């Protein structure tokens, strides 16, 4: 039998405290990953937005400028400037879509893919140093729990 909020004040309060703690932990972890990610990127002379764009292109393949703007949640003028700098750095190229010449696609070049691989290797190295002393069962539990939270967020209940 499904319980509705308000039926058990003690359970509601315990749930609220758990959720507040989870929210704080997720926010803190996200912030720390962001800060460490920026530190790592400074070694590669690439900005956080540039790396985000490279990741989207690496994961999803070539995409129109408009789609990249949407994915990054940035204004088209901002992404245009970003792509200009990445193109000058040899990380991406702009190409006209063969099916619709009005559409400009952004393509990841080998140098951009190499940058993604090098940065990801540094990020994985950092996390490896944090988790190396955990038992395999502890690592598996952390991963499973994070996947559970991800799935709850990614596929919210209606």
C-alpha atoms as a PDB file:
ATOM      1  CA  UNK A   1       0.000   0.000   0.000  1.00  0.00           C
ATOM      2  CA  UNK A   2       1.461   3.326  -1.095  1.00  0.00           C
ATOM      3  CA  UNK A   3       1.798   5.963   1.600  1.00  0.00           C
ATOM      4  CA  UNK A   4       0.939   9.532   0.839  1.00  0.00           C
ATOM      5  CA  UNK A   5       2.900  12.413   2.334  1.00  0.00           C
ATOM      6  CA  UNK A   6       1.468  13.530   5.641  1.00  0.00           C
ATOM      7  CA  UNK A   7       0.377  10.086   6.855  1.00  0.00           C
ATOM      8  CA  UNK A   8       3.394   9.545   9.108  1.00  0.00           C
ATOM      9  CA  UNK A   9       5.107  12.710  10.344  1.00  0.00           C
ATOM     10  CA  UNK A  10       8.152  10.815  11.672  1.00  0.00           C
ATOM     11  CA  UNK A  11       8.725   9.068   8.353  1.00  0.00           C
ATOM     12  CA  UNK A  12       8.158  12.325   6.447  1.00  0.00           C
ATOM     13  CA  UNK A  13      10.729  14.100   8.646  1.00  0.00           C
ATOM     14  CA  UNK A  14      13.260  11.264   8.286  1.00  0.00           C
ATOM     15  CA  UNK A  15      12.786  11.280   4.506  1.00  0.00           C
ATOM     16  CA  UNK A  16      13.215  15.063   4.389  1.00  0.00           C
ATOM     17  CA  UNK A  17      16.445  14.873   6.412  1.00  0.00           C
ATOM     18  CA  UNK A  18      17.788  12.088   4.168  1.00  0.00           C
ATOM     19  CA  UNK A  19      16.934  14.055   1.039  1.00  0.00           C
ATOM     20  CA  UNK A  20      18.513  17.230   2.441  1.00  0.00           C
ATOM     21  CA  UNK A  21      21.690  15.294   3.219  1.00  0.00           C
ATOM     22  CA  UNK A  22      21.696  13.705  -0.247  1.00  0.00           C
ATOM     23  CA  UNK A  23      21.214  17.110  -1.881  1.00  0.00           C
ATOM     24  CA  UNK A  24      24.099  18.603   0.123  1.00  0.00           C
ATOM     25  CA  UNK A  25      26.387  15.675  -0.725  1.00  0.00           C
ATOM     26  CA  UNK A  26      25.527  15.786  -4.435  1.00  0.00           C
ATOM     27  CA  UNK A  27      26.074  19.551  -4.536  1.00  0.00           C
ATOM     28  CA  UNK A  28      29.387  19.254  -2.684  1.00  0.00           C
ATOM     29  CA  UNK A  29      30.621  16.360  -4.837  1.00  0.00           C
ATOM     30  CA  UNK A  30      29.575  18.178  -8.008  1.00  0.00           C
ATOM     31  CA  UNK A  31      31.409  21.308  -6.878  1.00  0.00           C
ATOM     32  CA  UNK A  32      34.582  19.396  -5.976  1.00  0.00           C
ATOM     33  CA  UNK A  33      34.570  17.526  -9.307  1.00  0.00           C
ATOM     34  CA  UNK A  34      34.050  20.856 -11.076  1.00  0.00           C
ATOM     35  CA  UNK A  35      36.955  22.508  -9.208  1.00  0.00           C
ATOM     36  CA  UNK A  36      39.298  19.552  -9.770  1.00  0.00           C
ATOM     37  CA  UNK A  37      38.188  19.390 -13.402  1.00  0.00           C
ATOM     38  CA  UNK A  38      39.144  23.053 -13.869  1.00  0.00           C
ATOM     39  CA  UNK A  39      42.539  22.410 -12.241  1.00  0.00           C
ATOM     40  CA  UNK A  40      43.152  19.498 -14.591  1.00  0.00           C
ATOM     41  CA  UNK A  41      42.085  21.560 -17.612  1.00  0.00           C
ATOM     42  CA  UNK A  42      44.516  24.343 -16.699  1.00  0.00           C
ATOM     43  CA  UNK A  43      47.341  21.861 -17.359  1.00  0.00           C
ATOM     44  CA  UNK A  44      46.015  21.403 -20.898  1.00  0.00           C
ATOM     45  CA  UNK A  45      45.410  25.076 -21.722  1.00  0.00           C
ATOM     46  CA  UNK A  46      41.777  24.504 -22.585  1.00  0.00           C
ATOM     47  CA  UNK A  47      38.736  26.114 -21.003  1.00  0.00           C
ATOM     48  CA  UNK A  48      35.913  24.290 -19.277  1.00  0.00           C
ATOM     49  CA  UNK A  49      33.340  25.288 -21.957  1.00  0.00           C
ATOM     50  CA  UNK A  50      35.725  24.154 -24.710  1.00  0.00           C
ATOM     51  CA  UNK A  51      36.161  20.797 -23.014  1.00  0.00           C
ATOM     52  CA  UNK A  52      32.385  20.457 -22.595  1.00  0.00           C
ATOM     53  CA  UNK A  53      31.923  21.090 -26.313  1.00  0.00           C
ATOM     54  CA  UNK A  54      34.644  18.565 -27.188  1.00  0.00           C
ATOM     55  CA  UNK A  55      32.975  15.996 -24.919  1.00  0.00           C
ATOM     56  CA  UNK A  56      29.591  16.486 -26.603  1.00  0.00           C
ATOM     57  CA  UNK A  57      31.175  16.110 -30.047  1.00  0.00           C
ATOM     58  CA  UNK A  58      33.215  13.091 -28.926  1.00  0.00           C
ATOM     59  CA  UNK A  59      30.169  11.361 -27.468  1.00  0.00           C
ATOM     60  CA  UNK A  60      27.501  12.373 -30.002  1.00  0.00           C
ATOM     61  CA  UNK A  61      29.482  12.944 -33.197  1.00  0.00           C
ATOM     62  CA  UNK A  62      29.264  15.847 -35.626  1.00  0.00           C
ATOM     63  CA  UNK A  63      26.398  18.181 -34.887  1.00  0.00           C
ATOM     64  CA  UNK A  64      24.869  21.375 -36.192  1.00  0.00           C
ATOM     65  CA  UNK A  65      25.838  24.573 -34.368  1.00  0.00           C
ATOM     66  CA  UNK A  66      22.261  24.970 -33.119  1.00  0.00           C
ATOM     67  CA  UNK A  67      22.294  21.507 -31.549  1.00  0.00           C
ATOM     68  CA  UNK A  68      25.611  22.245 -29.848  1.00  0.00           C
ATOM     69  CA  UNK A  69      24.129  25.488 -28.477  1.00  0.00           C
ATOM     70  CA  UNK A  70      21.149  23.539 -27.120  1.00  0.00           C
ATOM     71  CA  UNK A  71      23.328  20.810 -25.570  1.00  0.00           C
ATOM     72  CA  UNK A  72      25.547  23.354 -23.867  1.00  0.00           C
ATOM     73  CA  UNK A  73      22.630  25.605 -22.847  1.00  0.00           C
ATOM     74  CA  UNK A  74      24.512  28.606 -24.188  1.00  0.00           C
ATOM     75  CA  UNK A  75      23.606  31.407 -26.582  1.00  0.00           C
ATOM     76  CA  UNK A  76      24.534  30.806 -30.202  1.00  0.00           C
ATOM     77  CA  UNK A  77      26.866  33.835 -30.205  1.00  0.00           C
ATOM     78  CA  UNK A  78      28.744  32.357 -27.232  1.00  0.00           C
ATOM     79  CA  UNK A  79      29.099  28.950 -28.903  1.00  0.00           C
ATOM     80  CA  UNK A  80      30.147  30.606 -32.175  1.00  0.00           C
ATOM     81  CA  UNK A  81      33.004  32.364 -30.360  1.00  0.00           C
ATOM     82  CA  UNK A  82      33.876  29.121 -28.586  1.00  0.00           C
ATOM     83  CA  UNK A  83      33.962  27.166 -31.860  1.00  0.00           C
ATOM     84  CA  UNK A  84      36.060  29.937 -33.451  1.00  0.00           C
ATOM     85  CA  UNK A  85      38.729  29.470 -30.766  1.00  0.00           C
ATOM     86  CA  UNK A  86      38.562  25.658 -30.964  1.00  0.00           C
ATOM     87  CA  UNK A  87      38.831  25.800 -34.744  1.00  0.00           C
ATOM     88  CA  UNK A  88      41.924  28.033 -34.491  1.00  0.00           C
ATOM     89  CA  UNK A  89      43.377  25.528 -32.011  1.00  0.00           C
ATOM     90  CA  UNK A  90      42.845  22.679 -34.474  1.00  0.00           C
ATOM     91  CA  UNK A  91      40.331  20.829 -32.268  1.00  0.00           C
ATOM     92  CA  UNK A  92      37.250  21.128 -34.505  1.00  0.00           C
ATOM     93  CA  UNK A  93      36.242  22.064 -38.037  1.00  0.00           C
ATOM     94  CA  UNK A  94      33.093  23.647 -39.396  1.00  0.00           C
ATOM     95  CA  UNK A  95      31.497  22.010 -42.414  1.00  0.00           C
ATOM     96  CA  UNK A  96      28.349  22.609 -44.412  1.00  0.00           C
ATOM     97  CA  UNK A  97      25.768  19.843 -44.103  1.00  0.00           C
ATOM     98  CA  UNK A  98      25.640  17.896 -47.386  1.00  0.00           C
ATOM     99  CA  UNK A  99      21.835  17.572 -47.162  1.00  0.00           C
ATOM    100  CA  UNK A 100      21.134  21.189 -46.233  1.00  0.00           C
ATOM    101  CA  UNK A 101      23.858  23.649 -47.202  1.00  0.00           C
ATOM    102  CA  UNK A 102      22.360  26.283 -44.857  1.00  0.00           C
ATOM    103  CA  UNK A 103      23.338  24.149 -41.848  1.00  0.00           C
ATOM    104  CA  UNK A 104      26.860  24.392 -40.432  1.00  0.00           C
ATOM    105  CA  UNK A 105      28.050  21.295 -38.589  1.00  0.00           C
ATOM    106  CA  UNK A 106      30.888  21.117 -36.101  1.00  0.00           C
ATOM    107  CA  UNK A 107      33.197  18.127 -36.516  1.00  0.00           C
ATOM    108  CA  UNK A 108      35.690  16.881 -33.951  1.00  0.00           C
ATOM    109  CA  UNK A 109      39.195  16.624 -35.386  1.00  0.00           C
ATOM    110  CA  UNK A 110      41.866  14.139 -34.305  1.00  0.00           C
ATOM    111  CA  UNK A 111      43.536  16.780 -32.138  1.00  0.00           C
ATOM    112  CA  UNK A 112      40.218  17.364 -30.340  1.00  0.00           C
ATOM    113  CA  UNK A 113      39.702  13.625 -29.774  1.00  0.00           C
ATOM    114  CA  UNK A 114      43.277  13.362 -28.448  1.00  0.00           C
ATOM    115  CA  UNK A 115      42.583  16.235 -26.052  1.00  0.00           C
ATOM    116  CA  UNK A 116      39.465  14.489 -24.732  1.00  0.00           C
ATOM    117  CA  UNK A 117      41.437  11.270 -24.223  1.00  0.00           C
ATOM    118  CA  UNK A 118      44.288  13.041 -22.409  1.00  0.00           C
ATOM    119  CA  UNK A 119      41.991  15.044 -20.118  1.00  0.00           C
ATOM    120  CA  UNK A 120      39.844  11.998 -19.331  1.00  0.00           C
ATOM    121  CA  UNK A 121      42.985  10.027 -18.492  1.00  0.00           C
ATOM    122  CA  UNK A 122      43.965  12.736 -15.992  1.00  0.00           C
ATOM    123  CA  UNK A 123      40.482  12.794 -14.485  1.00  0.00           C
ATOM    124  CA  UNK A 124      40.453   8.998 -14.158  1.00  0.00           C
ATOM    125  CA  UNK A 125      43.904   9.081 -12.590  1.00  0.00           C
ATOM    126  CA  UNK A 126      42.649  11.585  -9.998  1.00  0.00           C
ATOM    127  CA  UNK A 127      39.632   9.434  -9.113  1.00  0.00           C
ATOM    128  CA  UNK A 128      41.796   6.307  -9.054  1.00  0.00           C
ATOM    129  CA  UNK A 129      44.017   7.860  -6.392  1.00  0.00           C
ATOM    130  CA  UNK A 130      40.902   8.568  -4.325  1.00  0.00           C
ATOM    131  CA  UNK A 131      39.413   5.093  -4.649  1.00  0.00           C
ATOM    132  CA  UNK A 132      42.506   2.868  -4.762  1.00  0.00           C
ATOM    133  CA  UNK A 133      42.301   1.855  -1.095  1.00  0.00           C
ATOM    134  CA  UNK A 134      38.623   0.888  -1.227  1.00  0.00           C
ATOM    135  CA  UNK A 135      37.743  -2.784  -1.480  1.00  0.00           C
ATOM    136  CA  UNK A 136      36.203  -3.871  -4.792  1.00  0.00           C
ATOM    137  CA  UNK A 137      32.865  -4.425  -3.004  1.00  0.00           C
ATOM    138  CA  UNK A 138      32.934  -0.857  -1.662  1.00  0.00           C
ATOM    139  CA  UNK A 139      33.647   0.547  -5.138  1.00  0.00           C
ATOM    140  CA  UNK A 140      30.853  -1.567  -6.609  1.00  0.00           C
ATOM    141  CA  UNK A 141      28.412  -0.314  -3.961  1.00  0.00           C
ATOM    142  CA  UNK A 142      29.330   3.328  -4.560  1.00  0.00           C
ATOM    143  CA  UNK A 143      28.877   2.887  -8.306  1.00  0.00           C
ATOM    144  CA  UNK A 144      25.564   1.039  -7.890  1.00  0.00           C
ATOM    145  CA  UNK A 145      24.240   3.699  -5.514  1.00  0.00           C
ATOM    146  CA  UNK A 146      25.254   6.516  -7.857  1.00  0.00           C
ATOM    147  CA  UNK A 147      23.615   4.683 -10.772  1.00  0.00           C
ATOM    148  CA  UNK A 148      20.423   4.415  -8.709  1.00  0.00           C
ATOM    149  CA  UNK A 149      20.438   8.177  -8.065  1.00  0.00           C
ATOM    150  CA  UNK A 150      21.252   8.850 -11.728  1.00  0.00           C
ATOM    151  CA  UNK A 151      18.344   6.674 -12.868  1.00  0.00           C
ATOM    152  CA  UNK A 152      15.952   8.406 -10.453  1.00  0.00           C
ATOM    153  CA  UNK A 153      16.993  11.789 -11.832  1.00  0.00           C
ATOM    154  CA  UNK A 154      17.255  10.705 -15.467  1.00  0.00           C
ATOM    155  CA  UNK A 155      13.895   8.931 -15.497  1.00  0.00           C
ATOM    156  CA  UNK A 156      11.767  10.871 -13.016  1.00  0.00           C
ATOM    157  CA  UNK A 157       8.554   9.286 -11.815  1.00  0.00           C
ATOM    158  CA  UNK A 158       5.404  10.871 -13.154  1.00  0.00           C
END
